[in-house]
Amino acid sequence: MVNEGPYTHQASDSALHFARAALEKGHLVTRIFFYSDGVYNANQFIQPQTDERNLVTMWSNLASQYKIDLVVCVATANRRGIQPELLASGFRISGLGQLVEAGIDSDRTLVFGD
């Protein structure tokens, strides 16, 4: 679970690098849930400077490469004005049930950010 935005806290970077490292070591990561300010990671209209990393694109690429379900919490997305038409490739909006289901199906649930 990612709870912080892409450029306000290290949590998004840490989650992305952790997921990539786990996948490269052969671990299975099936779903990443974006909650609270973490929903900003899904906004396709975030445009960092050309010399900065584009975390939104990096998440989309990871999802595409490894077939990971990137789920944005509907309630926190609505509170922050994140609508389905704003989502970058690979992200989808759904409810907390997706987080619960992932927790049931997984050995561990990791939380990045407050």
PDB file of N, CA and C in Angstrom:
ATOM      1  N   MET A   1       0.851  -1.168   0.000  1.00  0.00           N
ATOM      2  CA  MET A   1       0.000   0.000   0.000  1.00  0.00           C
ATOM      3  C   MET A   1       0.898   1.232   0.000  1.00  0.00           C
ATOM      4  N   VAL A   2       0.559   2.176  -0.870  1.00  0.00           N
ATOM      5  CA  VAL A   2       1.304   3.431  -0.983  1.00  0.00           C
ATOM      6  C   VAL A   2       0.380   4.548  -0.509  1.00  0.00           C
ATOM      7  N   ASN A   3       0.828   5.274   0.519  1.00  0.00           N
ATOM      8  CA  ASN A   3      -0.010   6.303   1.143  1.00  0.00           C
ATOM      9  C   ASN A   3       0.464   7.732   0.919  1.00  0.00           C
ATOM     10  N   GLU A   4       1.507   7.931   0.148  1.00  0.00           N
ATOM     11  CA  GLU A   4       2.046   9.268  -0.065  1.00  0.00           C
ATOM     12  C   GLU A   4       2.124   9.576  -1.555  1.00  0.00           C
ATOM     13  N   GLY A   5       2.070  10.861  -1.883  1.00  0.00           N
ATOM     14  CA  GLY A   5       2.132  11.306  -3.266  1.00  0.00           C
ATOM     15  C   GLY A   5       3.515  11.102  -3.865  1.00  0.00           C
ATOM     16  N   PRO A   6       3.615  11.261  -5.166  1.00  0.00           N
ATOM     17  CA  PRO A   6       4.861  10.935  -5.861  1.00  0.00           C
ATOM     18  C   PRO A   6       6.027  11.895  -5.618  1.00  0.00           C
ATOM     19  N   TYR A   7       5.773  13.119  -5.244  1.00  0.00           N
ATOM     20  CA  TYR A   7       6.877  14.074  -5.111  1.00  0.00           C
ATOM     21  C   TYR A   7       6.909  14.772  -3.763  1.00  0.00           C
ATOM     22  N   THR A   8       6.143  14.299  -2.802  1.00  0.00           N
ATOM     23  CA  THR A   8       6.102  14.933  -1.493  1.00  0.00           C
ATOM     24  C   THR A   8       6.791  14.120  -0.414  1.00  0.00           C
ATOM     25  N   HIS A   9       7.122  12.885  -0.711  1.00  0.00           N
ATOM     26  CA  HIS A   9       7.639  11.969   0.301  1.00  0.00           C
ATOM     27  C   HIS A   9       8.397  10.847  -0.407  1.00  0.00           C
ATOM     28  N   GLN A  10       9.291  10.213   0.272  1.00  0.00           N
ATOM     29  CA  GLN A  10      10.093   9.120  -0.295  1.00  0.00           C
ATOM     30  C   GLN A  10       9.285   7.825  -0.464  1.00  0.00           C
ATOM     31  N   ALA A  11       8.101   7.763   0.125  1.00  0.00           N
ATOM     32  CA  ALA A  11       7.331   6.508   0.160  1.00  0.00           C
ATOM     33  C   ALA A  11       7.052   5.924  -1.217  1.00  0.00           C
ATOM     34  N   SER A  12       6.675   6.741  -2.164  1.00  0.00           N
ATOM     35  CA  SER A  12       6.361   6.227  -3.502  1.00  0.00           C
ATOM     36  C   SER A  12       7.605   5.648  -4.171  1.00  0.00           C
ATOM     37  N   ASP A  13       8.711   6.378  -4.078  1.00  0.00           N
ATOM     38  CA  ASP A  13       9.977   5.866  -4.622  1.00  0.00           C
ATOM     39  C   ASP A  13      10.357   4.545  -3.964  1.00  0.00           C
ATOM     40  N   SER A  14      10.267   4.508  -2.644  1.00  0.00           N
ATOM     41  CA  SER A  14      10.641   3.298  -1.908  1.00  0.00           C
ATOM     42  C   SER A  14       9.763   2.120  -2.293  1.00  0.00           C
ATOM     43  N   ALA A  15       8.467   2.351  -2.400  1.00  0.00           N
ATOM     44  CA  ALA A  15       7.545   1.278  -2.786  1.00  0.00           C
ATOM     45  C   ALA A  15       7.847   0.766  -4.184  1.00  0.00           C
ATOM     46  N   LEU A  16       8.092   1.677  -5.101  1.00  0.00           N
ATOM     47  CA  LEU A  16       8.399   1.302  -6.477  1.00  0.00           C
ATOM     48  C   LEU A  16       9.677   0.477  -6.549  1.00  0.00           C
ATOM     49  N   HIS A  17      10.728   0.942  -5.889  1.00  0.00           N
ATOM     50  CA  HIS A  17      11.999   0.219  -5.918  1.00  0.00           C
ATOM     51  C   HIS A  17      11.901  -1.128  -5.198  1.00  0.00           C
ATOM     52  N   PHE A  18      11.150  -1.164  -4.099  1.00  0.00           N
ATOM     53  CA  PHE A  18      10.959  -2.421  -3.384  1.00  0.00           C
ATOM     54  C   PHE A  18      10.221  -3.434  -4.257  1.00  0.00           C
ATOM     55  N   ALA A  19       9.137  -2.989  -4.884  1.00  0.00           N
ATOM     56  CA  ALA A  19       8.355  -3.890  -5.740  1.00  0.00           C
ATOM     57  C   ALA A  19       9.202  -4.418  -6.890  1.00  0.00           C
ATOM     58  N   ARG A  20       9.952  -3.532  -7.531  1.00  0.00           N
ATOM     59  CA  ARG A  20      10.804  -3.955  -8.649  1.00  0.00           C
ATOM     60  C   ARG A  20      11.860  -4.970  -8.183  1.00  0.00           C
ATOM     61  N   ALA A  21      12.491  -4.696  -7.053  1.00  0.00           N
ATOM     62  CA  ALA A  21      13.513  -5.607  -6.526  1.00  0.00           C
ATOM     63  C   ALA A  21      12.905  -6.966  -6.173  1.00  0.00           C
ATOM     64  N   ALA A  22      11.735  -6.964  -5.550  1.00  0.00           N
ATOM     65  CA  ALA A  22      11.073  -8.224  -5.195  1.00  0.00           C
ATOM     66  C   ALA A  22      10.726  -9.022  -6.444  1.00  0.00           C
ATOM     67  N   LEU A  23      10.205  -8.358  -7.447  1.00  0.00           N
ATOM     68  CA  LEU A  23       9.851  -9.030  -8.701  1.00  0.00           C
ATOM     69  C   LEU A  23      11.075  -9.587  -9.401  1.00  0.00           C
ATOM     70  N   GLU A  24      12.147  -8.824  -9.409  1.00  0.00           N
ATOM     71  CA  GLU A  24      13.385  -9.289 -10.056  1.00  0.00           C
ATOM     72  C   GLU A  24      13.991 -10.484  -9.332  1.00  0.00           C
ATOM     73  N   LYS A  25      13.688 -10.642  -8.043  1.00  0.00           N
ATOM     74  CA  LYS A  25      14.161 -11.797  -7.269  1.00  0.00           C
ATOM     75  C   LYS A  25      13.198 -12.977  -7.367  1.00  0.00           C
ATOM     76  N   GLY A  26      12.134 -12.817  -8.149  1.00  0.00           N
ATOM     77  CA  GLY A  26      11.210 -13.922  -8.368  1.00  0.00           C
ATOM     78  C   GLY A  26       9.989 -13.940  -7.462  1.00  0.00           C
ATOM     79  N   HIS A  27       9.818 -12.931  -6.629  1.00  0.00           N
ATOM     80  CA  HIS A  27       8.637 -12.864  -5.774  1.00  0.00           C
ATOM     81  C   HIS A  27       7.426 -12.413  -6.588  1.00  0.00           C
ATOM     82  N   LEU A  28       6.268 -12.717  -6.097  1.00  0.00           N
ATOM     83  CA  LEU A  28       5.024 -12.366  -6.774  1.00  0.00           C
ATOM     84  C   LEU A  28       4.416 -11.129  -6.114  1.00  0.00           C
ATOM     85  N   VAL A  29       4.185 -10.111  -6.903  1.00  0.00           N
ATOM     86  CA  VAL A  29       3.470  -8.909  -6.464  1.00  0.00           C
ATOM     87  C   VAL A  29       2.281  -8.783  -7.410  1.00  0.00           C
ATOM     88  N   THR A  30       1.098  -9.003  -6.887  1.00  0.00           N
ATOM     89  CA  THR A  30      -0.074  -9.018  -7.758  1.00  0.00           C
ATOM     90  C   THR A  30      -0.846  -7.705  -7.749  1.00  0.00           C
ATOM     91  N   ARG A  31      -0.790  -6.987  -6.626  1.00  0.00           N
ATOM     92  CA  ARG A  31      -1.587  -5.757  -6.527  1.00  0.00           C
ATOM     93  C   ARG A  31      -0.866  -4.748  -5.650  1.00  0.00           C
ATOM     94  N   ILE A  32      -0.942  -3.495  -6.061  1.00  0.00           N
ATOM     95  CA  ILE A  32      -0.462  -2.388  -5.237  1.00  0.00           C
ATOM     96  C   ILE A  32      -1.640  -1.444  -5.075  1.00  0.00           C
ATOM     97  N   PHE A  33      -1.937  -1.121  -3.831  1.00  0.00           N
ATOM     98  CA  PHE A  33      -3.100  -0.299  -3.493  1.00  0.00           C
ATOM     99  C   PHE A  33      -2.628   1.103  -3.127  1.00  0.00           C
ATOM    100  N   PHE A  34      -3.218   2.117  -3.747  1.00  0.00           N
ATOM    101  CA  PHE A  34      -2.855   3.513  -3.515  1.00  0.00           C
ATOM    102  C   PHE A  34      -3.957   4.163  -2.695  1.00  0.00           C
ATOM    103  N   TYR A  35      -3.587   4.664  -1.527  1.00  0.00           N
ATOM    104  CA  TYR A  35      -4.545   5.184  -0.560  1.00  0.00           C
ATOM    105  C   TYR A  35      -4.092   6.565  -0.091  1.00  0.00           C
ATOM    106  N   SER A  36      -5.006   7.342   0.432  1.00  0.00           N
ATOM    107  CA  SER A  36      -4.702   8.680   0.936  1.00  0.00           C
ATOM    108  C   SER A  36      -4.038   9.489  -0.178  1.00  0.00           C
ATOM    109  N   ASP A  37      -2.976  10.234   0.130  1.00  0.00           N
ATOM    110  CA  ASP A  37      -2.312  11.021  -0.917  1.00  0.00           C
ATOM    111  C   ASP A  37      -1.601  10.145  -1.945  1.00  0.00           C
ATOM    112  N   GLY A  38      -1.507   8.870  -1.676  1.00  0.00           N
ATOM    113  CA  GLY A  38      -0.919   7.946  -2.644  1.00  0.00           C
ATOM    114  C   GLY A  38      -1.678   7.900  -3.960  1.00  0.00           C
ATOM    115  N   VAL A  39      -2.947   8.313  -3.951  1.00  0.00           N
ATOM    116  CA  VAL A  39      -3.729   8.288  -5.186  1.00  0.00           C
ATOM    117  C   VAL A  39      -3.163   9.240  -6.239  1.00  0.00           C
ATOM    118  N   TYR A  40      -2.384  10.242  -5.816  1.00  0.00           N
ATOM    119  CA  TYR A  40      -1.784  11.166  -6.783  1.00  0.00           C
ATOM    120  C   TYR A  40      -0.773  10.476  -7.697  1.00  0.00           C
ATOM    121  N   ASN A  41      -0.280   9.307  -7.295  1.00  0.00           N
ATOM    122  CA  ASN A  41       0.633   8.544  -8.144  1.00  0.00           C
ATOM    123  C   ASN A  41      -0.018   8.096  -9.440  1.00  0.00           C
ATOM    124  N   ALA A  42      -1.337   8.119  -9.494  1.00  0.00           N
ATOM    125  CA  ALA A  42      -2.083   7.638 -10.661  1.00  0.00           C
ATOM    126  C   ALA A  42      -2.454   8.745 -11.640  1.00  0.00           C
ATOM    127  N   ASN A  43      -2.188   9.991 -11.310  1.00  0.00           N
ATOM    128  CA  ASN A  43      -2.627  11.121 -12.128  1.00  0.00           C
ATOM    129  C   ASN A  43      -1.762  11.262 -13.382  1.00  0.00           C
ATOM    130  N   GLN A  44      -2.337  10.949 -14.528  1.00  0.00           N
ATOM    131  CA  GLN A  44      -1.592  10.997 -15.791  1.00  0.00           C
ATOM    132  C   GLN A  44      -1.147  12.406 -16.170  1.00  0.00           C
ATOM    133  N   PHE A  45      -1.728  13.420 -15.554  1.00  0.00           N
ATOM    134  CA  PHE A  45      -1.403  14.794 -15.924  1.00  0.00           C
ATOM    135  C   PHE A  45      -0.273  15.405 -15.093  1.00  0.00           C
ATOM    136  N   ILE A  46       0.298  14.634 -14.184  1.00  0.00           N
ATOM    137  CA  ILE A  46       1.472  15.121 -13.461  1.00  0.00           C
ATOM    138  C   ILE A  46       2.624  15.203 -14.456  1.00  0.00           C
ATOM    139  N   GLN A  47       3.231  16.363 -14.547  1.00  0.00           N
ATOM    140  CA  GLN A  47       4.310  16.602 -15.513  1.00  0.00           C
ATOM    141  C   GLN A  47       5.564  17.099 -14.790  1.00  0.00           C
ATOM    142  N   PRO A  48       6.435  16.197 -14.381  1.00  0.00           N
ATOM    143  CA  PRO A  48       7.673  16.654 -13.747  1.00  0.00           C
ATOM    144  C   PRO A  48       8.595  17.319 -14.773  1.00  0.00           C
ATOM    145  N   GLN A  49       9.577  18.044 -14.282  1.00  0.00           N
ATOM    146  CA  GLN A  49      10.575  18.634 -15.167  1.00  0.00           C
ATOM    147  C   GLN A  49      11.273  17.525 -15.948  1.00  0.00           C
ATOM    148  N   THR A  50      11.820  17.849 -17.100  1.00  0.00           N
ATOM    149  CA  THR A  50      12.419  16.830 -17.967  1.00  0.00           C
ATOM    150  C   THR A  50      13.610  16.135 -17.318  1.00  0.00           C
ATOM    151  N   ASP A  51      14.273  16.772 -16.354  1.00  0.00           N
ATOM    152  CA  ASP A  51      15.421  16.143 -15.710  1.00  0.00           C
ATOM    153  C   ASP A  51      15.040  15.390 -14.431  1.00  0.00           C
ATOM    154  N   GLU A  52      13.729  15.303 -14.129  1.00  0.00           N
ATOM    155  CA  GLU A  52      13.246  14.571 -12.962  1.00  0.00           C
ATOM    156  C   GLU A  52      12.638  13.246 -13.381  1.00  0.00           C
ATOM    157  N   ARG A  53      12.634  12.307 -12.474  1.00  0.00           N
ATOM    158  CA  ARG A  53      11.986  11.016 -12.728  1.00  0.00           C
ATOM    159  C   ARG A  53      10.480  11.221 -12.804  1.00  0.00           C
ATOM    160  N   ASN A  54       9.830  10.444 -13.646  1.00  0.00           N
ATOM    161  CA  ASN A  54       8.381  10.511 -13.780  1.00  0.00           C
ATOM    162  C   ASN A  54       7.798   9.277 -13.103  1.00  0.00           C
ATOM    163  N   LEU A  55       7.460   9.426 -11.832  1.00  0.00           N
ATOM    164  CA  LEU A  55       6.993   8.279 -11.059  1.00  0.00           C
ATOM    165  C   LEU A  55       5.691   7.690 -11.588  1.00  0.00           C
ATOM    166  N   VAL A  56       4.822   8.513 -12.114  1.00  0.00           N
ATOM    167  CA  VAL A  56       3.566   7.999 -12.660  1.00  0.00           C
ATOM    168  C   VAL A  56       3.864   7.039 -13.814  1.00  0.00           C
ATOM    169  N   THR A  57       4.724   7.453 -14.715  1.00  0.00           N
ATOM    170  CA  THR A  57       5.119   6.599 -15.839  1.00  0.00           C
ATOM    171  C   THR A  57       5.859   5.366 -15.350  1.00  0.00           C
ATOM    172  N   MET A  58       6.681   5.522 -14.340  1.00  0.00           N
ATOM    173  CA  MET A  58       7.423   4.372 -13.803  1.00  0.00           C
ATOM    174  C   MET A  58       6.471   3.328 -13.221  1.00  0.00           C
ATOM    175  N   TRP A  59       5.423   3.778 -12.523  1.00  0.00           N
ATOM    176  CA  TRP A  59       4.416   2.842 -12.010  1.00  0.00           C
ATOM    177  C   TRP A  59       3.686   2.158 -13.157  1.00  0.00           C
ATOM    178  N   SER A  60       3.306   2.922 -14.158  1.00  0.00           N
ATOM    179  CA  SER A  60       2.604   2.340 -15.316  1.00  0.00           C
ATOM    180  C   SER A  60       3.463   1.299 -16.008  1.00  0.00           C
ATOM    181  N   ASN A  61       4.740   1.600 -16.183  1.00  0.00           N
ATOM    182  CA  ASN A  61       5.658   0.658 -16.836  1.00  0.00           C
ATOM    183  C   ASN A  61       5.830  -0.610 -16.013  1.00  0.00           C
ATOM    184  N   LEU A  62       5.934  -0.478 -14.701  1.00  0.00           N
ATOM    185  CA  LEU A  62       6.067  -1.649 -13.832  1.00  0.00           C
ATOM    186  C   LEU A  62       4.830  -2.533 -13.948  1.00  0.00           C
ATOM    187  N   ALA A  63       3.659  -1.906 -13.924  1.00  0.00           N
ATOM    188  CA  ALA A  63       2.407  -2.663 -14.038  1.00  0.00           C
ATOM    189  C   ALA A  63       2.321  -3.391 -15.364  1.00  0.00           C
ATOM    190  N   SER A  64       2.723  -2.738 -16.418  1.00  0.00           N
ATOM    191  CA  SER A  64       2.680  -3.342 -17.747  1.00  0.00           C
ATOM    192  C   SER A  64       3.670  -4.499 -17.867  1.00  0.00           C
ATOM    193  N   GLN A  65       4.867  -4.279 -17.391  1.00  0.00           N
ATOM    194  CA  GLN A  65       5.912  -5.293 -17.502  1.00  0.00           C
ATOM    195  C   GLN A  65       5.599  -6.550 -16.704  1.00  0.00           C
ATOM    196  N   TYR A  66       5.058  -6.385 -15.493  1.00  0.00           N
ATOM    197  CA  TYR A  66       4.845  -7.519 -14.590  1.00  0.00           C
ATOM    198  C   TYR A  66       3.375  -7.879 -14.379  1.00  0.00           C
ATOM    199  N   LYS A  67       2.475  -7.222 -15.102  1.00  0.00           N
ATOM    200  CA  LYS A  67       1.032  -7.500 -14.993  1.00  0.00           C
ATOM    201  C   LYS A  67       0.543  -7.322 -13.552  1.00  0.00           C
ATOM    202  N   ILE A  68       0.849  -6.169 -12.982  1.00  0.00           N
ATOM    203  CA  ILE A  68       0.449  -5.844 -11.614  1.00  0.00           C
ATOM    204  C   ILE A  68      -0.813  -4.991 -11.653  1.00  0.00           C
ATOM    205  N   ASP A  69      -1.728  -5.282 -10.761  1.00  0.00           N
ATOM    206  CA  ASP A  69      -2.968  -4.543 -10.618  1.00  0.00           C
ATOM    207  C   ASP A  69      -2.703  -3.314  -9.737  1.00  0.00           C
ATOM    208  N   LEU A  70      -2.773  -2.117 -10.315  1.00  0.00           N
ATOM    209  CA  LEU A  70      -2.576  -0.870  -9.572  1.00  0.00           C
ATOM    210  C   LEU A  70      -3.955  -0.311  -9.241  1.00  0.00           C
ATOM    211  N   VAL A  71      -4.333  -0.391  -7.972  1.00  0.00           N
ATOM    212  CA  VAL A  71      -5.676  -0.013  -7.547  1.00  0.00           C
ATOM    213  C   VAL A  71      -5.636   1.290  -6.752  1.00  0.00           C
ATOM    214  N   VAL A  72      -6.455   2.225  -7.165  1.00  0.00           N
ATOM    215  CA  VAL A  72      -6.590   3.528  -6.521  1.00  0.00           C
ATOM    216  C   VAL A  72      -7.879   3.519  -5.703  1.00  0.00           C
ATOM    217  N   CYS A  73      -7.777   3.848  -4.427  1.00  0.00           N
ATOM    218  CA  CYS A  73      -8.952   3.848  -3.551  1.00  0.00           C
ATOM    219  C   CYS A  73      -9.964   4.881  -4.024  1.00  0.00           C
ATOM    220  N   VAL A  74     -11.193   4.442  -4.256  1.00  0.00           N
ATOM    221  CA  VAL A  74     -12.238   5.309  -4.783  1.00  0.00           C
ATOM    222  C   VAL A  74     -12.570   6.455  -3.828  1.00  0.00           C
ATOM    223  N   ALA A  75     -12.657   6.183  -2.538  1.00  0.00           N
ATOM    224  CA  ALA A  75     -13.050   7.223  -1.585  1.00  0.00           C
ATOM    225  C   ALA A  75     -11.991   8.318  -1.488  1.00  0.00           C
ATOM    226  N   THR A  76     -10.727   7.933  -1.358  1.00  0.00           N
ATOM    227  CA  THR A  76      -9.684   8.951  -1.243  1.00  0.00           C
ATOM    228  C   THR A  76      -9.435   9.640  -2.581  1.00  0.00           C
ATOM    229  N   ALA A  77      -9.650   8.934  -3.679  1.00  0.00           N
ATOM    230  CA  ALA A  77      -9.513   9.557  -5.000  1.00  0.00           C
ATOM    231  C   ALA A  77     -10.587  10.633  -5.181  1.00  0.00           C
ATOM    232  N   ASN A  78     -11.812  10.321  -4.811  1.00  0.00           N
ATOM    233  CA  ASN A  78     -12.900  11.289  -4.935  1.00  0.00           C
ATOM    234  C   ASN A  78     -12.634  12.538  -4.102  1.00  0.00           C
ATOM    235  N   ARG A  79     -12.112  12.347  -2.889  1.00  0.00           N
ATOM    236  CA  ARG A  79     -11.810  13.490  -2.026  1.00  0.00           C
ATOM    237  C   ARG A  79     -10.737  14.395  -2.613  1.00  0.00           C
ATOM    238  N   ARG A  80      -9.881  13.837  -3.455  1.00  0.00           N
ATOM    239  CA  ARG A  80      -8.767  14.590  -4.025  1.00  0.00           C
ATOM    240  C   ARG A  80      -8.981  14.954  -5.501  1.00  0.00           C
ATOM    241  N   GLY A  81     -10.175  14.722  -5.995  1.00  0.00           N
ATOM    242  CA  GLY A  81     -10.499  15.104  -7.365  1.00  0.00           C
ATOM    243  C   GLY A  81      -9.903  14.205  -8.428  1.00  0.00           C
ATOM    244  N   ILE A  82      -9.480  13.014  -8.042  1.00  0.00           N
ATOM    245  CA  ILE A  82      -8.928  12.054  -9.001  1.00  0.00           C
ATOM    246  C   ILE A  82     -10.084  11.218  -9.549  1.00  0.00           C
ATOM    247  N   GLN A  83     -10.402  11.426 -10.812  1.00  0.00           N
ATOM    248  CA  GLN A  83     -11.493  10.725 -11.481  1.00  0.00           C
ATOM    249  C   GLN A  83     -10.912   9.701 -12.466  1.00  0.00           C
ATOM    250  N   PRO A  84     -11.700   8.722 -12.879  1.00  0.00           N
ATOM    251  CA  PRO A  84     -11.191   7.682 -13.784  1.00  0.00           C
ATOM    252  C   PRO A  84     -10.521   8.222 -15.047  1.00  0.00           C
ATOM    253  N   GLU A  85     -11.031   9.311 -15.597  1.00  0.00           N
ATOM    254  CA  GLU A  85     -10.444   9.848 -16.826  1.00  0.00           C
ATOM    255  C   GLU A  85      -9.069  10.485 -16.598  1.00  0.00           C
ATOM    256  N   LEU A  86      -8.680  10.672 -15.349  1.00  0.00           N
ATOM    257  CA  LEU A  86      -7.365  11.236 -15.033  1.00  0.00           C
ATOM    258  C   LEU A  86      -6.298  10.168 -14.831  1.00  0.00           C
ATOM    259  N   LEU A  87      -6.703   8.911 -14.777  1.00  0.00           N
ATOM    260  CA  LEU A  87      -5.771   7.844 -14.429  1.00  0.00           C
ATOM    261  C   LEU A  87      -4.781   7.530 -15.553  1.00  0.00           C
ATOM    262  N   ALA A  88      -3.553   7.313 -15.152  1.00  0.00           N
ATOM    263  CA  ALA A  88      -2.521   6.879 -16.088  1.00  0.00           C
ATOM    264  C   ALA A  88      -2.742   5.413 -16.428  1.00  0.00           C
ATOM    265  N   SER A  89      -2.094   4.965 -17.458  1.00  0.00           N
ATOM    266  CA  SER A  89      -2.184   3.580 -17.909  1.00  0.00           C
ATOM    267  C   SER A  89      -1.810   2.617 -16.783  1.00  0.00           C
ATOM    268  N   GLY A  90      -2.612   1.572 -16.631  1.00  0.00           N
ATOM    269  CA  GLY A  90      -2.325   0.541 -15.644  1.00  0.00           C
ATOM    270  C   GLY A  90      -3.031   0.723 -14.317  1.00  0.00           C
ATOM    271  N   PHE A  91      -3.562   1.927 -14.062  1.00  0.00           N
ATOM    272  CA  PHE A  91      -4.261   2.201 -12.813  1.00  0.00           C
ATOM    273  C   PHE A  91      -5.760   2.027 -13.001  1.00  0.00           C
ATOM    274  N   ARG A  92      -6.445   1.648 -11.921  1.00  0.00           N
ATOM    275  CA  ARG A  92      -7.900   1.588 -11.940  1.00  0.00           C
ATOM    276  C   ARG A  92      -8.422   1.982 -10.563  1.00  0.00           C
ATOM    277  N   ILE A  93      -9.629   2.477 -10.527  1.00  0.00           N
ATOM    278  CA  ILE A  93     -10.263   2.882  -9.272  1.00  0.00           C
ATOM    279  C   ILE A  93     -11.132   1.741  -8.766  1.00  0.00           C
ATOM    280  N   SER A  94     -11.020   1.474  -7.461  1.00  0.00           N
ATOM    281  CA  SER A  94     -11.845   0.456  -6.828  1.00  0.00           C
ATOM    282  C   SER A  94     -11.891   0.747  -5.331  1.00  0.00           C
ATOM    283  N   GLY A  95     -12.528  -0.142  -4.588  1.00  0.00           N
ATOM    284  CA  GLY A  95     -12.723   0.081  -3.162  1.00  0.00           C
ATOM    285  C   GLY A  95     -11.746  -0.655  -2.271  1.00  0.00           C
ATOM    286  N   LEU A  96     -11.932  -0.458  -0.972  1.00  0.00           N
ATOM    287  CA  LEU A  96     -11.065  -1.086   0.019  1.00  0.00           C
ATOM    288  C   LEU A  96     -11.136  -2.611  -0.006  1.00  0.00           C
ATOM    289  N   GLY A  97     -12.191  -3.142  -0.593  1.00  0.00           N
ATOM    290  CA  GLY A  97     -12.296  -4.601  -0.718  1.00  0.00           C
ATOM    291  C   GLY A  97     -11.105  -5.191  -1.470  1.00  0.00           C
ATOM    292  N   GLN A  98     -10.566  -4.425  -2.417  1.00  0.00           N
ATOM    293  CA  GLN A  98      -9.398  -4.890  -3.171  1.00  0.00           C
ATOM    294  C   GLN A  98      -8.167  -4.992  -2.272  1.00  0.00           C
ATOM    295  N   LEU A  99      -8.056  -4.085  -1.315  1.00  0.00           N
ATOM    296  CA  LEU A  99      -6.954  -4.145  -0.350  1.00  0.00           C
ATOM    297  C   LEU A  99      -7.124  -5.350   0.568  1.00  0.00           C
ATOM    298  N   VAL A 100      -8.337  -5.563   1.033  1.00  0.00           N
ATOM    299  CA  VAL A 100      -8.618  -6.706   1.904  1.00  0.00           C
ATOM    300  C   VAL A 100      -8.338  -8.011   1.165  1.00  0.00           C
ATOM    301  N   GLU A 101      -8.817  -8.115  -0.058  1.00  0.00           N
ATOM    302  CA  GLU A 101      -8.589  -9.325  -0.854  1.00  0.00           C
ATOM    303  C   GLU A 101      -7.102  -9.585  -1.067  1.00  0.00           C
ATOM    304  N   ALA A 102      -6.347  -8.534  -1.372  1.00  0.00           N
ATOM    305  CA  ALA A 102      -4.901  -8.697  -1.567  1.00  0.00           C
ATOM    306  C   ALA A 102      -4.236  -9.159  -0.276  1.00  0.00           C
ATOM    307  N   GLY A 103      -4.686  -8.632   0.854  1.00  0.00           N
ATOM    308  CA  GLY A 103      -4.130  -9.055   2.143  1.00  0.00           C
ATOM    309  C   GLY A 103      -4.409 -10.508   2.450  1.00  0.00           C
ATOM    310  N   ILE A 104      -5.586 -10.960   2.098  1.00  0.00           N
ATOM    311  CA  ILE A 104      -5.958 -12.361   2.323  1.00  0.00           C
ATOM    312  C   ILE A 104      -5.137 -13.283   1.430  1.00  0.00           C
ATOM    313  N   ASP A 105      -4.917 -12.871   0.196  1.00  0.00           N
ATOM    314  CA  ASP A 105      -4.219 -13.703  -0.780  1.00  0.00           C
ATOM    315  C   ASP A 105      -2.698 -13.632  -0.680  1.00  0.00           C
ATOM    316  N   SER A 106      -2.175 -12.768   0.169  1.00  0.00           N
ATOM    317  CA  SER A 106      -0.728 -12.540   0.215  1.00  0.00           C
ATOM    318  C   SER A 106      -0.119 -13.016   1.526  1.00  0.00           C
ATOM    319  N   ASP A 107       1.185 -13.246   1.479  1.00  0.00           N
ATOM    320  CA  ASP A 107       1.929 -13.581   2.686  1.00  0.00           C
ATOM    321  C   ASP A 107       2.144 -12.355   3.560  1.00  0.00           C
ATOM    322  N   ARG A 108       2.307 -11.191   2.918  1.00  0.00           N
ATOM    323  CA  ARG A 108       2.607  -9.952   3.612  1.00  0.00           C
ATOM    324  C   ARG A 108       1.908  -8.781   2.963  1.00  0.00           C
ATOM    325  N   THR A 109       1.615  -7.792   3.783  1.00  0.00           N
ATOM    326  CA  THR A 109       1.153  -6.512   3.280  1.00  0.00           C
ATOM    327  C   THR A 109       2.115  -5.458   3.806  1.00  0.00           C
ATOM    328  N   LEU A 110       2.695  -4.712   2.901  1.00  0.00           N
ATOM    329  CA  LEU A 110       3.641  -3.669   3.281  1.00  0.00           C
ATOM    330  C   LEU A 110       2.992  -2.314   3.054  1.00  0.00           C
ATOM    331  N   VAL A 111       3.287  -1.381   3.941  1.00  0.00           N
ATOM    332  CA  VAL A 111       2.729  -0.038   3.848  1.00  0.00           C
ATOM    333  C   VAL A 111       3.878   0.953   3.712  1.00  0.00           C
ATOM    334  N   PHE A 112       3.795   1.793   2.678  1.00  0.00           N
ATOM    335  CA  PHE A 112       4.796   2.822   2.448  1.00  0.00           C
ATOM    336  C   PHE A 112       4.144   4.172   2.667  1.00  0.00           C
ATOM    337  N   GLY A 113       4.618   4.909   3.648  1.00  0.00           N
ATOM    338  CA  GLY A 113       4.067   6.220   3.983  1.00  0.00           C
ATOM    339  C   GLY A 113       3.150   6.129   5.181  1.00  0.00           C
ATOM    340  N   ASP A 114       2.784   7.303   5.689  1.00  0.00           N
ATOM    341  CA  ASP A 114       1.920   7.367   6.903  1.00  0.00           C
ATOM    342  C   ASP A 114       0.521   6.913   6.633  1.00  0.00           C
TER     343      ASP A 114
END
